[in-house]
C-alpha atoms as a PDB file:
ATOM      1  CA  MET A   1      65.101  44.374  -0.437  1.00  0.00           C
ATOM      2  CA  ASP A   2      63.228  47.333  -2.135  1.00  0.00           C
ATOM      3  CA  THR A   3      62.650  46.244  -5.429  1.00  0.00           C
ATOM      4  CA  VAL A   4      60.632  48.313  -8.341  1.00  0.00           C
ATOM      5  CA  PRO A   5      57.428  47.035  -9.692  1.00  0.00           C
ATOM      6  CA  GLU A   6      57.435  45.060 -12.769  1.00  0.00           C
ATOM      7  CA  THR A   7      54.039  46.368 -13.946  1.00  0.00           C
ATOM      8  CA  ASN A   8      51.616  48.783 -13.498  1.00  0.00           C
ATOM      9  CA  SER A   9      48.396  47.109 -14.608  1.00  0.00           C
ATOM     10  CA  PRO A  10      46.143  45.623 -11.907  1.00  0.00           C
ATOM     11  CA  ALA A  11      46.100  41.531 -12.247  1.00  0.00           C
ATOM     12  CA  HIS A  12      43.435  39.694 -13.377  1.00  0.00           C
ATOM     13  CA  ILE A  13      41.292  38.402 -10.930  1.00  0.00           C
ATOM     14  CA  THR A  14      38.697  35.073 -11.362  1.00  0.00           C
ATOM     15  CA  GLY A  15      36.230  35.887  -8.678  1.00  0.00           C
ATOM     16  CA  PRO A  16      35.358  35.585  -5.032  1.00  0.00           C
ATOM     17  CA  ASN A  17      35.844  31.929  -4.634  1.00  0.00           C
ATOM     18  CA  VAL A  18      38.607  30.373  -7.062  1.00  0.00           C
ATOM     19  CA  GLU A  19      41.623  31.932  -7.163  1.00  0.00           C
ATOM     20  CA  ASP A  20      43.962  32.365  -9.875  1.00  0.00           C
ATOM     21  CA  PRO A  21      47.921  31.382  -8.180  1.00  0.00           C
ATOM     22  CA  ALA A  22      49.500  33.636 -10.482  1.00  0.00           C
ATOM     23  CA  ASP A  23      47.333  36.611  -9.325  1.00  0.00           C
ATOM     24  CA  ILE A  24      47.696  35.536  -5.477  1.00  0.00           C
ATOM     25  CA  ALA A  25      51.627  35.557  -6.388  1.00  0.00           C
ATOM     26  CA  GLU A  26      51.390  39.134  -8.142  1.00  0.00           C
ATOM     27  CA  LEU A  27      49.439  40.674  -5.029  1.00  0.00           C
ATOM     28  CA  ARG A  28      51.590  38.945  -2.765  1.00  0.00           C
ATOM     29  CA  ARG A  29      54.585  40.729  -4.564  1.00  0.00           C
ATOM     30  CA  VAL A  30      53.294  44.015  -4.170  1.00  0.00           C
ATOM     31  CA  ALA A  31      52.298  43.833  -0.730  1.00  0.00           C
ATOM     32  CA  VAL A  32      55.964  43.349   0.053  1.00  0.00           C
ATOM     33  CA  TYR A  33      57.152  45.884  -2.392  1.00  0.00           C
ATOM     34  CA  LEU A  34      54.539  48.246  -0.542  1.00  0.00           C
ATOM     35  CA  ALA A  35      55.528  47.033   2.679  1.00  0.00           C
ATOM     36  CA  GLU A  36      59.205  46.969   2.839  1.00  0.00           C
ATOM     37  CA  THR A  37      59.102  50.567   1.071  1.00  0.00           C
ATOM     38  CA  ALA A  38      57.397  51.483   3.461  1.00  0.00           C
ATOM     39  CA  ALA A  39      59.632  49.675   6.448  1.00  0.00           C
ATOM     40  CA  ALA A  40      62.530  51.560   4.735  1.00  0.00           C
ATOM     41  CA  HIS A  41      61.018  55.000   5.388  1.00  0.00           C
ATOM     42  CA  VAL A  42      59.899  53.928   9.076  1.00  0.00           C
ATOM     43  CA  ARG A  43      63.768  52.957   9.599  1.00  0.00           C
ATOM     44  CA  ARG A  44      64.982  56.272   8.130  1.00  0.00           C
ATOM     45  CA  ARG A  45      62.909  58.336   9.973  1.00  0.00           C
ATOM     46  CA  ARG A  46      63.334  57.429  13.339  1.00  0.00           C
ATOM     47  CA  PRO A  47      66.264  58.647  13.887  1.00  0.00           C
ATOM     48  CA  GLU A  48      65.269  61.898  12.050  1.00  0.00           C
ATOM     49  CA  VAL A  49      62.152  62.320  14.811  1.00  0.00           C
ATOM     50  CA  PHE A  50      63.129  60.358  17.687  1.00  0.00           C
ATOM     51  CA  GLY A  51      66.848  60.585  17.767  1.00  0.00           C
ATOM     52  CA  PRO A  52      69.287  61.750  20.303  1.00  0.00           C
ATOM     53  CA  GLY A  53      68.453  65.604  21.175  1.00  0.00           C
ATOM     54  CA  ARG A  54      65.021  65.120  19.492  1.00  0.00           C
ATOM     55  CA  THR A  55      62.115  64.832  21.648  1.00  0.00           C
ATOM     56  CA  GLY A  56      59.730  63.914  19.029  1.00  0.00           C
ATOM     57  CA  ASP A  57      56.766  66.052  20.983  1.00  0.00           C
ATOM     58  CA  ASP A  58      55.804  68.049  18.209  1.00  0.00           C
ATOM     59  CA  SER A  59      55.594  65.201  15.921  1.00  0.00           C
ATOM     60  CA  VAL A  60      52.989  62.799  18.280  1.00  0.00           C
ATOM     61  CA  ARG A  61      49.141  63.277  18.816  1.00  0.00           C
ATOM     62  CA  THR A  62      46.785  60.799  20.224  1.00  0.00           C
ATOM     63  CA  LYS A  63      43.917  59.095  19.253  1.00  0.00           C
ATOM     64  CA  SER A  64      41.619  57.378  21.040  1.00  0.00           C
ATOM     65  CA  THR A  65      42.719  58.164  24.681  1.00  0.00           C
ATOM     66  CA  PRO A  66      45.945  60.191  25.852  1.00  0.00           C
ATOM     67  CA  THR A  67      47.767  56.614  25.794  1.00  0.00           C
ATOM     68  CA  ASP A  68      47.210  55.852  22.018  1.00  0.00           C
ATOM     69  CA  PRO A  69      49.734  57.809  20.246  1.00  0.00           C
ATOM     70  CA  VAL A  70      50.010  58.686  16.447  1.00  0.00           C
ATOM     71  CA  THR A  71      53.129  60.216  15.380  1.00  0.00           C
ATOM     72  CA  VAL A  72      53.854  62.293  11.903  1.00  0.00           C
ATOM     73  CA  VAL A  73      55.821  59.093  10.405  1.00  0.00           C
ATOM     74  CA  ASP A  74      52.851  56.685  10.738  1.00  0.00           C
ATOM     75  CA  THR A  75      50.557  59.455   8.578  1.00  0.00           C
ATOM     76  CA  GLU A  76      53.935  59.791   6.295  1.00  0.00           C
ATOM     77  CA  THR A  77      54.299  56.041   5.881  1.00  0.00           C
ATOM     78  CA  GLU A  78      50.386  55.565   4.592  1.00  0.00           C
ATOM     79  CA  GLN A  79      50.438  58.121   2.443  1.00  0.00           C
ATOM     80  CA  LEU A  80      53.683  56.755   1.232  1.00  0.00           C
ATOM     81  CA  ILE A  81      51.942  53.359   0.616  1.00  0.00           C
ATOM     82  CA  ARG A  82      48.775  55.341  -0.719  1.00  0.00           C
ATOM     83  CA  SER A  83      50.794  57.194  -3.628  1.00  0.00           C
ATOM     84  CA  LEU A  84      53.018  53.863  -4.816  1.00  0.00           C
ATOM     85  CA  LEU A  85      49.418  51.713  -4.767  1.00  0.00           C
ATOM     86  CA  ALA A  86      47.970  54.615  -7.089  1.00  0.00           C
ATOM     87  CA  GLU A  87      50.956  53.886  -9.528  1.00  0.00           C
ATOM     88  CA  VAL A  88      51.478  50.013  -9.383  1.00  0.00           C
ATOM     89  CA  ARG A  89      47.622  49.362  -8.963  1.00  0.00           C
ATOM     90  CA  PRO A  90      45.389  52.033 -10.065  1.00  0.00           C
ATOM     91  CA  GLY A  91      41.962  52.081  -9.305  1.00  0.00           C
ATOM     92  CA  GLU A  92      42.089  49.862  -6.196  1.00  0.00           C
ATOM     93  CA  SER A  93      41.169  51.298  -2.700  1.00  0.00           C
ATOM     94  CA  VAL A  94      43.090  51.407   0.949  1.00  0.00           C
ATOM     95  CA  LEU A  95      41.450  50.755   4.217  1.00  0.00           C
ATOM     96  CA  GLY A  96      44.186  52.676   6.193  1.00  0.00           C
ATOM     97  CA  GLU A  97      44.552  52.923  10.076  1.00  0.00           C
ATOM     98  CA  GLU A  98      45.401  56.507   9.678  1.00  0.00           C
ATOM     99  CA  GLY A  99      43.512  57.248   6.552  1.00  0.00           C
ATOM    100  CA  GLY A 100      40.254  55.488   6.642  1.00  0.00           C
ATOM    101  CA  GLY A 101      38.593  53.950   3.418  1.00  0.00           C
ATOM    102  CA  SER A 102      36.152  50.835   3.906  1.00  0.00           C
ATOM    103  CA  LEU A 103      36.319  47.299   2.308  1.00  0.00           C
ATOM    104  CA  GLY A 104      33.820  48.019  -0.850  1.00  0.00           C
ATOM    105  CA  ALA A 105      32.002  45.979  -3.138  1.00  0.00           C
ATOM    106  CA  ALA A 106      32.436  42.499  -2.599  1.00  0.00           C
ATOM    107  CA  ALA A 107      34.619  41.678  -5.832  1.00  0.00           C
ATOM    108  CA  ASP A 108      36.851  44.687  -4.836  1.00  0.00           C
ATOM    109  CA  ILE A 109      40.280  44.566  -3.944  1.00  0.00           C
ATOM    110  CA  VAL A 110      41.214  46.760  -1.277  1.00  0.00           C
ATOM    111  CA  TRP A 111      44.401  46.821   0.396  1.00  0.00           C
ATOM    112  CA  VAL A 112      44.162  46.950   4.227  1.00  0.00           C
ATOM    113  CA  VAL A 113      47.152  49.226   5.874  1.00  0.00           C
ATOM    114  CA  ASP A 114      48.992  49.798   9.328  1.00  0.00           C
ATOM    115  CA  PRO A 115      51.520  51.873   8.875  1.00  0.00           C
ATOM    116  CA  ILE A 116      53.382  51.488  11.880  1.00  0.00           C
ATOM    117  CA  ASP A 117      51.916  48.567  14.325  1.00  0.00           C
ATOM    118  CA  GLY A 118      53.379  48.799  17.691  1.00  0.00           C
ATOM    119  CA  THR A 119      53.514  52.740  17.452  1.00  0.00           C
ATOM    120  CA  VAL A 120      54.312  52.713  21.474  1.00  0.00           C
ATOM    121  CA  ASN A 121      57.415  50.734  20.862  1.00  0.00           C
ATOM    122  CA  PHE A 122      58.231  52.561  17.705  1.00  0.00           C
ATOM    123  CA  VAL A 123      58.435  56.084  20.046  1.00  0.00           C
ATOM    124  CA  TYR A 124      60.238  54.546  22.944  1.00  0.00           C
ATOM    125  CA  GLY A 125      62.388  53.025  20.772  1.00  0.00           C
ATOM    126  CA  ILE A 126      61.636  49.292  21.801  1.00  0.00           C
ATOM    127  CA  PRO A 127      62.592  46.944  18.584  1.00  0.00           C
ATOM    128  CA  ALA A 128      59.195  45.577  18.178  1.00  0.00           C
ATOM    129  CA  TYR A 129      56.820  47.399  15.214  1.00  0.00           C
ATOM    130  CA  SER A 130      56.197  46.800  11.583  1.00  0.00           C
ATOM    131  CA  VAL A 131      54.576  47.676   8.435  1.00  0.00           C
ATOM    132  CA  SER A 132      51.650  45.616   7.744  1.00  0.00           C
ATOM    133  CA  VAL A 133      49.844  45.429   4.170  1.00  0.00           C
ATOM    134  CA  ALA A 134      47.309  43.351   3.131  1.00  0.00           C
ATOM    135  CA  ALA A 135      45.067  42.851  -0.398  1.00  0.00           C
ATOM    136  CA  VAL A 136      41.600  41.700   0.729  1.00  0.00           C
ATOM    137  CA  ARG A 137      38.694  40.914  -1.161  1.00  0.00           C
ATOM    138  CA  ALA A 138      35.028  40.205   0.657  1.00  0.00           C
ATOM    139  CA  GLY A 139      36.456  40.063   4.030  1.00  0.00           C
ATOM    140  CA  ARG A 140      39.168  37.455   3.014  1.00  0.00           C
ATOM    141  CA  SER A 141      43.029  38.274   3.226  1.00  0.00           C
ATOM    142  CA  LEU A 142      44.309  36.756  -0.086  1.00  0.00           C
ATOM    143  CA  ALA A 143      47.982  37.783   0.161  1.00  0.00           C
ATOM    144  CA  GLY A 144      49.836  40.174   2.871  1.00  0.00           C
ATOM    145  CA  ALA A 145      53.044  41.126   4.327  1.00  0.00           C
ATOM    146  CA  VAL A 146      54.735  42.143   7.521  1.00  0.00           C
ATOM    147  CA  VAL A 147      57.806  43.680   7.910  1.00  0.00           C
ATOM    148  CA  ASP A 148      59.466  43.667  11.028  1.00  0.00           C
ATOM    149  CA  VAL A 149      61.192  47.242  10.772  1.00  0.00           C
ATOM    150  CA  ALA A 150      63.828  46.922  13.185  1.00  0.00           C
ATOM    151  CA  ASN A 151      65.293  43.492  12.391  1.00  0.00           C
ATOM    152  CA  THR A 152      64.461  44.310   8.683  1.00  0.00           C
ATOM    153  CA  ALA A 153      62.533  40.961   8.308  1.00  0.00           C
ATOM    154  CA  THR A 154      59.461  40.544   5.832  1.00  0.00           C
ATOM    155  CA  TYR A 155      57.026  38.063   6.989  1.00  0.00           C
ATOM    156  CA  SER A 156      54.594  36.707   3.837  1.00  0.00           C
ATOM    157  CA  ALA A 157      51.764  34.884   2.981  1.00  0.00           C
ATOM    158  CA  GLY A 158      49.365  34.418  -0.418  1.00  0.00           C
ATOM    159  CA  LEU A 159      46.406  32.071   0.135  1.00  0.00           C
ATOM    160  CA  GLY A 160      46.994  28.786  -0.794  1.00  0.00           C
ATOM    161  CA  ALA A 161      50.850  29.989  -1.224  1.00  0.00           C
ATOM    162  CA  GLY A 162      52.321  29.248   2.036  1.00  0.00           C
ATOM    163  CA  ALA A 163      54.265  31.703   4.350  1.00  0.00           C
ATOM    164  CA  THR A 164      57.526  32.387   4.260  1.00  0.00           C
ATOM    165  CA  ARG A 165      60.268  34.959   6.337  1.00  0.00           C
ATOM    166  CA  THR A 166      62.897  36.937   4.558  1.00  0.00           C
ATOM    167  CA  ASP A 167      65.870  38.271   6.125  1.00  0.00           C
ATOM    168  CA  ALA A 168      68.011  41.551   5.448  1.00  0.00           C
ATOM    169  CA  ALA A 169      70.523  39.252   3.296  1.00  0.00           C
ATOM    170  CA  GLY A 170      67.387  37.922   1.454  1.00  0.00           C
ATOM    171  CA  THR A 171      67.052  34.523   2.668  1.00  0.00           C
ATOM    172  CA  SER A 172      63.728  32.987   3.078  1.00  0.00           C
ATOM    173  CA  ILE A 173      62.297  30.392   5.032  1.00  0.00           C
ATOM    174  CA  ARG A 174      58.907  28.320   5.063  1.00  0.00           C
ATOM    175  CA  LEU A 175      57.088  29.005   7.969  1.00  0.00           C
ATOM    176  CA  ARG A 176      55.570  26.291  10.166  1.00  0.00           C
ATOM    177  CA  CYS A 177      53.855  26.507  13.448  1.00  0.00           C
ATOM    178  CA  ASN A 178      55.512  24.813  16.436  1.00  0.00           C
ATOM    179  CA  ASP A 179      54.399  21.201  16.971  1.00  0.00           C
ATOM    180  CA  ILE A 180      53.080  21.226  20.167  1.00  0.00           C
ATOM    181  CA  ASP A 181      50.203  19.324  21.723  1.00  0.00           C
ATOM    182  CA  SER A 182      49.614  20.549  25.466  1.00  0.00           C
ATOM    183  CA  THR A 183      48.203  24.099  26.063  1.00  0.00           C
ATOM    184  CA  GLN A 184      50.521  24.361  29.442  1.00  0.00           C
ATOM    185  CA  LEU A 185      53.411  24.147  27.944  1.00  0.00           C
ATOM    186  CA  ALA A 186      52.077  26.977  25.376  1.00  0.00           C
ATOM    187  CA  LEU A 187      54.082  30.274  25.364  1.00  0.00           C
ATOM    188  CA  VAL A 188      51.175  33.138  24.461  1.00  0.00           C
ATOM    189  CA  ALA A 189      51.211  35.858  23.563  1.00  0.00           C
ATOM    190  CA  THR A 190      48.445  38.724  23.774  1.00  0.00           C
ATOM    191  CA  GLY A 191      48.258  42.531  24.138  1.00  0.00           C
ATOM    192  CA  PHE A 192      46.182  45.184  25.913  1.00  0.00           C
ATOM    193  CA  GLY A 193      43.999  48.077  24.525  1.00  0.00           C
ATOM    194  CA  TYR A 194      44.237  51.658  25.654  1.00  0.00           C
ATOM    195  CA  GLY A 195      40.970  52.236  27.279  1.00  0.00           C
ATOM    196  CA  ALA A 196      40.859  51.811  31.217  1.00  0.00           C
ATOM    197  CA  ALA A 197      37.995  49.634  31.483  1.00  0.00           C
ATOM    198  CA  ARG A 198      39.278  47.292  28.652  1.00  0.00           C
ATOM    199  CA  ARG A 199      42.478  46.739  30.251  1.00  0.00           C
ATOM    200  CA  GLU A 200      41.257  46.155  33.221  1.00  0.00           C
ATOM    201  CA  ARG A 201      39.064  43.450  31.970  1.00  0.00           C
ATOM    202  CA  GLN A 202      41.955  42.048  29.912  1.00  0.00           C
ATOM    203  CA  GLY A 203      44.282  42.079  33.016  1.00  0.00           C
ATOM    204  CA  GLU A 204      41.786  39.589  35.139  1.00  0.00           C
ATOM    205  CA  LEU A 205      41.614  37.510  32.085  1.00  0.00           C
ATOM    206  CA  VAL A 206      44.946  37.013  32.012  1.00  0.00           C
ATOM    207  CA  ALA A 207      45.237  36.215  35.691  1.00  0.00           C
ATOM    208  CA  ARG A 208      42.934  33.451  35.114  1.00  0.00           C
ATOM    209  CA  LEU A 209      45.094  32.211  32.334  1.00  0.00           C
ATOM    210  CA  LEU A 210      48.695  32.552  33.447  1.00  0.00           C
ATOM    211  CA  PRO A 211      48.190  29.927  35.796  1.00  0.00           C
ATOM    212  CA  ARG A 212      47.317  27.646  32.696  1.00  0.00           C
ATOM    213  CA  VAL A 213      49.908  27.952  30.042  1.00  0.00           C
ATOM    214  CA  ARG A 214      53.735  27.845  30.242  1.00  0.00           C
ATOM    215  CA  ASP A 215      53.975  31.839  30.221  1.00  0.00           C
ATOM    216  CA  ILE A 216      52.640  35.011  28.899  1.00  0.00           C
ATOM    217  CA  ARG A 217      54.575  37.151  26.075  1.00  0.00           C
ATOM    218  CA  ARG A 218      53.068  41.040  25.377  1.00  0.00           C
ATOM    219  CA  ILE A 219      55.205  42.351  22.525  1.00  0.00           C
ATOM    220  CA  GLY A 220      53.432  45.028  21.653  1.00  0.00           C
ATOM    221  CA  SER A 221      52.510  44.670  17.878  1.00  0.00           C
ATOM    222  CA  ALA A 222      49.232  42.317  16.813  1.00  0.00           C
ATOM    223  CA  ALA A 223      50.735  42.127  13.211  1.00  0.00           C
ATOM    224  CA  LEU A 224      54.268  40.813  14.576  1.00  0.00           C
ATOM    225  CA  ASP A 225      52.755  38.580  17.611  1.00  0.00           C
ATOM    226  CA  LEU A 226      50.784  36.678  14.727  1.00  0.00           C
ATOM    227  CA  CYS A 227      53.625  36.597  12.662  1.00  0.00           C
ATOM    228  CA  MET A 228      56.033  35.193  15.518  1.00  0.00           C
ATOM    229  CA  VAL A 229      53.015  32.208  15.731  1.00  0.00           C
ATOM    230  CA  ALA A 230      53.683  31.490  12.188  1.00  0.00           C
ATOM    231  CA  ALA A 231      57.329  31.453  13.130  1.00  0.00           C
ATOM    232  CA  GLY A 232      57.200  29.243  16.004  1.00  0.00           C
ATOM    233  CA  SER A 233      58.391  31.930  18.403  1.00  0.00           C
ATOM    234  CA  VAL A 234      55.146  31.679  20.110  1.00  0.00           C
ATOM    235  CA  ASP A 235      52.393  28.836  20.401  1.00  0.00           C
ATOM    236  CA  ALA A 236      49.308  31.310  20.395  1.00  0.00           C
ATOM    237  CA  HIS A 237      48.286  34.647  20.394  1.00  0.00           C
ATOM    238  CA  TYR A 238      45.136  36.319  21.589  1.00  0.00           C
ATOM    239  CA  GLU A 239      43.870  39.828  21.901  1.00  0.00           C
ATOM    240  CA  HIS A 240      40.823  41.490  22.002  1.00  0.00           C
ATOM    241  CA  GLY A 241      39.408  44.835  20.114  1.00  0.00           C
ATOM    242  CA  LEU A 242      41.711  44.772  17.154  1.00  0.00           C
ATOM    243  CA  ASN A 243      40.755  46.198  13.706  1.00  0.00           C
ATOM    244  CA  PRO A 244      41.269  45.168  10.358  1.00  0.00           C
ATOM    245  CA  TRP A 245      44.516  46.603   9.865  1.00  0.00           C
ATOM    246  CA  ASP A 246      46.040  44.743  12.771  1.00  0.00           C
ATOM    247  CA  TRP A 247      45.111  41.305  11.663  1.00  0.00           C
ATOM    248  CA  ALA A 248      44.768  41.138   7.886  1.00  0.00           C
ATOM    249  CA  ALA A 249      48.490  40.197   6.798  1.00  0.00           C
ATOM    250  CA  GLY A 250      49.538  39.118   9.978  1.00  0.00           C
ATOM    251  CA  ALA A 251      46.505  36.118  10.258  1.00  0.00           C
ATOM    252  CA  LEU A 252      47.249  35.114   6.929  1.00  0.00           C
ATOM    253  CA  VAL A 253      50.964  34.670   7.680  1.00  0.00           C
ATOM    254  CA  ALA A 254      49.707  32.771  10.261  1.00  0.00           C
ATOM    255  CA  ALA A 255      47.207  30.482   8.627  1.00  0.00           C
ATOM    256  CA  GLU A 256      49.446  29.419   5.773  1.00  0.00           C
ATOM    257  CA  ALA A 257      51.807  28.012   8.323  1.00  0.00           C
ATOM    258  CA  GLY A 258      49.480  26.238   9.947  1.00  0.00           C
ATOM    259  CA  ALA A 259      47.725  28.310  12.931  1.00  0.00           C
ATOM    260  CA  VAL A 260      44.059  27.652  13.831  1.00  0.00           C
ATOM    261  CA  LEU A 261      42.124  31.183  13.764  1.00  0.00           C
ATOM    262  CA  ARG A 262      39.275  32.604  15.409  1.00  0.00           C
ATOM    263  CA  LEU A 263      38.652  36.376  13.564  1.00  0.00           C
ATOM    264  CA  PRO A 264      36.338  39.238  14.239  1.00  0.00           C
ATOM    265  CA  ALA A 265      34.392  39.833  11.038  1.00  0.00           C
ATOM    266  CA  ALA A 266      36.074  41.711   8.474  1.00  0.00           C
ATOM    267  CA  ASP A 267      34.011  45.306   8.810  1.00  0.00           C
ATOM    268  CA  SER A 268      33.726  44.959  12.589  1.00  0.00           C
ATOM    269  CA  THR A 269      36.126  47.292  14.807  1.00  0.00           C
ATOM    270  CA  GLY A 270      37.976  47.663  17.486  1.00  0.00           C
ATOM    271  CA  ALA A 271      35.219  48.963  19.505  1.00  0.00           C
ATOM    272  CA  ASP A 272      33.424  45.895  19.012  1.00  0.00           C
ATOM    273  CA  GLY A 273      36.181  44.066  21.179  1.00  0.00           C
ATOM    274  CA  GLU A 274      35.839  40.766  19.121  1.00  0.00           C
ATOM    275  CA  LEU A 275      38.323  38.366  20.111  1.00  0.00           C
ATOM    276  CA  THR A 276      41.203  37.422  17.662  1.00  0.00           C
ATOM    277  CA  VAL A 277      43.016  33.693  18.322  1.00  0.00           C
ATOM    278  CA  ALA A 278      45.817  32.358  16.293  1.00  0.00           C
ATOM    279  CA  ALA A 279      46.948  28.849  17.541  1.00  0.00           C
ATOM    280  CA  ALA A 280      49.160  26.015  16.740  1.00  0.00           C
ATOM    281  CA  PRO A 281      47.092  23.426  15.452  1.00  0.00           C
ATOM    282  CA  GLY A 282      48.300  20.843  18.037  1.00  0.00           C
ATOM    283  CA  ILE A 283      46.754  23.057  20.997  1.00  0.00           C
ATOM    284  CA  ALA A 284      44.055  25.225  19.432  1.00  0.00           C
ATOM    285  CA  ALA A 285      40.997  22.862  20.305  1.00  0.00           C
ATOM    286  CA  GLU A 286      42.170  23.066  23.757  1.00  0.00           C
ATOM    287  CA  LEU A 287      43.502  26.565  24.209  1.00  0.00           C
ATOM    288  CA  ILE A 288      40.109  27.918  22.364  1.00  0.00           C
ATOM    289  CA  GLY A 289      37.831  25.432  24.977  1.00  0.00           C
ATOM    290  CA  LEU A 290      39.895  26.839  27.907  1.00  0.00           C
ATOM    291  CA  PHE A 291      39.379  30.554  26.419  1.00  0.00           C
ATOM    292  CA  ASP A 292      35.359  29.681  26.509  1.00  0.00           C
ATOM    293  CA  GLY A 293      35.858  28.114  30.148  1.00  0.00           C
ATOM    294  CA  LEU A 294      37.686  31.119  31.286  1.00  0.00           C
ATOM    295  CA  GLY A 295      35.324  33.986  29.689  1.00  0.00           C
ATOM    296  CA  VAL A 296      38.092  34.816  27.381  1.00  0.00           C
ATOM    297  CA  SER A 297      36.101  34.496  24.025  1.00  0.00           C
ATOM    298  CA  ALA A 298      33.496  36.774  24.923  1.00  0.00           C
ATOM    299  CA  PRO A 299      33.780  40.569  23.562  1.00  0.00           C
ATOM    300  CA  ILE A 300      35.404  43.544  25.433  1.00  0.00           C
ATOM    301  CA  PRO A 301      34.142  46.324  23.753  1.00  0.00           C
ATOM    302  CA  GLN A 302      35.194  49.655  24.308  1.00  0.00           C
ATOM    303  CA  ALA A 303      33.523  51.871  26.921  1.00  0.00           C
END
């Protein structure tokens, strides 16, 4: 589904509060182009690094803890996105998981990038990892794309323009959250941090929540979890300690599919431990009230 970019000129942006639909559509097109091109690279490189007879030992290092890996493919993929962006949107900045950056000035378009969300799954060959790209200004996502790499599916959204899932054959469907009105019947996705103290607290909270919902799922990619809320594959997602690149694209996809969101400030970091929530609208108030009552809503800072 990769396509050659049509122009090399940045789109005109009208201001922080009023968006031109044509500008949003262009940002969305670029997000899809970047994410799909990067996903093709990830898909091609995995058997080269982790295929039969290859351990990948010399291609993996750790970040925050020994259980938090980053691979050579993560860094390659982010650099690819940065290079492509310099060609199609010259002068715009990147905030990336591997290469850093900032959200810039209020009027700036910043591309928030997670080259592989779900790196542990990627290393182990579990088919649930993604590339996430979002165009953000003044802390607000304007457009985004999340590619489910193993399943060759692209989730994308534009602010005020809805959300879609496009499969490998190019067939697109418009996304809507499930029509559900009982938290007791909700399938809820979550994720866990890498620090032992945070994981212990998250485990305690899951134990409190589990008897109150249909069941819990732990997929291993927050960006995919958020898109699954949009697609109705789960009814809600919550997680402490996400970084902006984990949710910038997926949260927009969920919101444009009707989800109710509770997001950290765009300039917060995973170390702050703030809660991210996306829930189908029919259960959102009840679920967030449940989170408040169980203590789930409180931050879990990284110890």
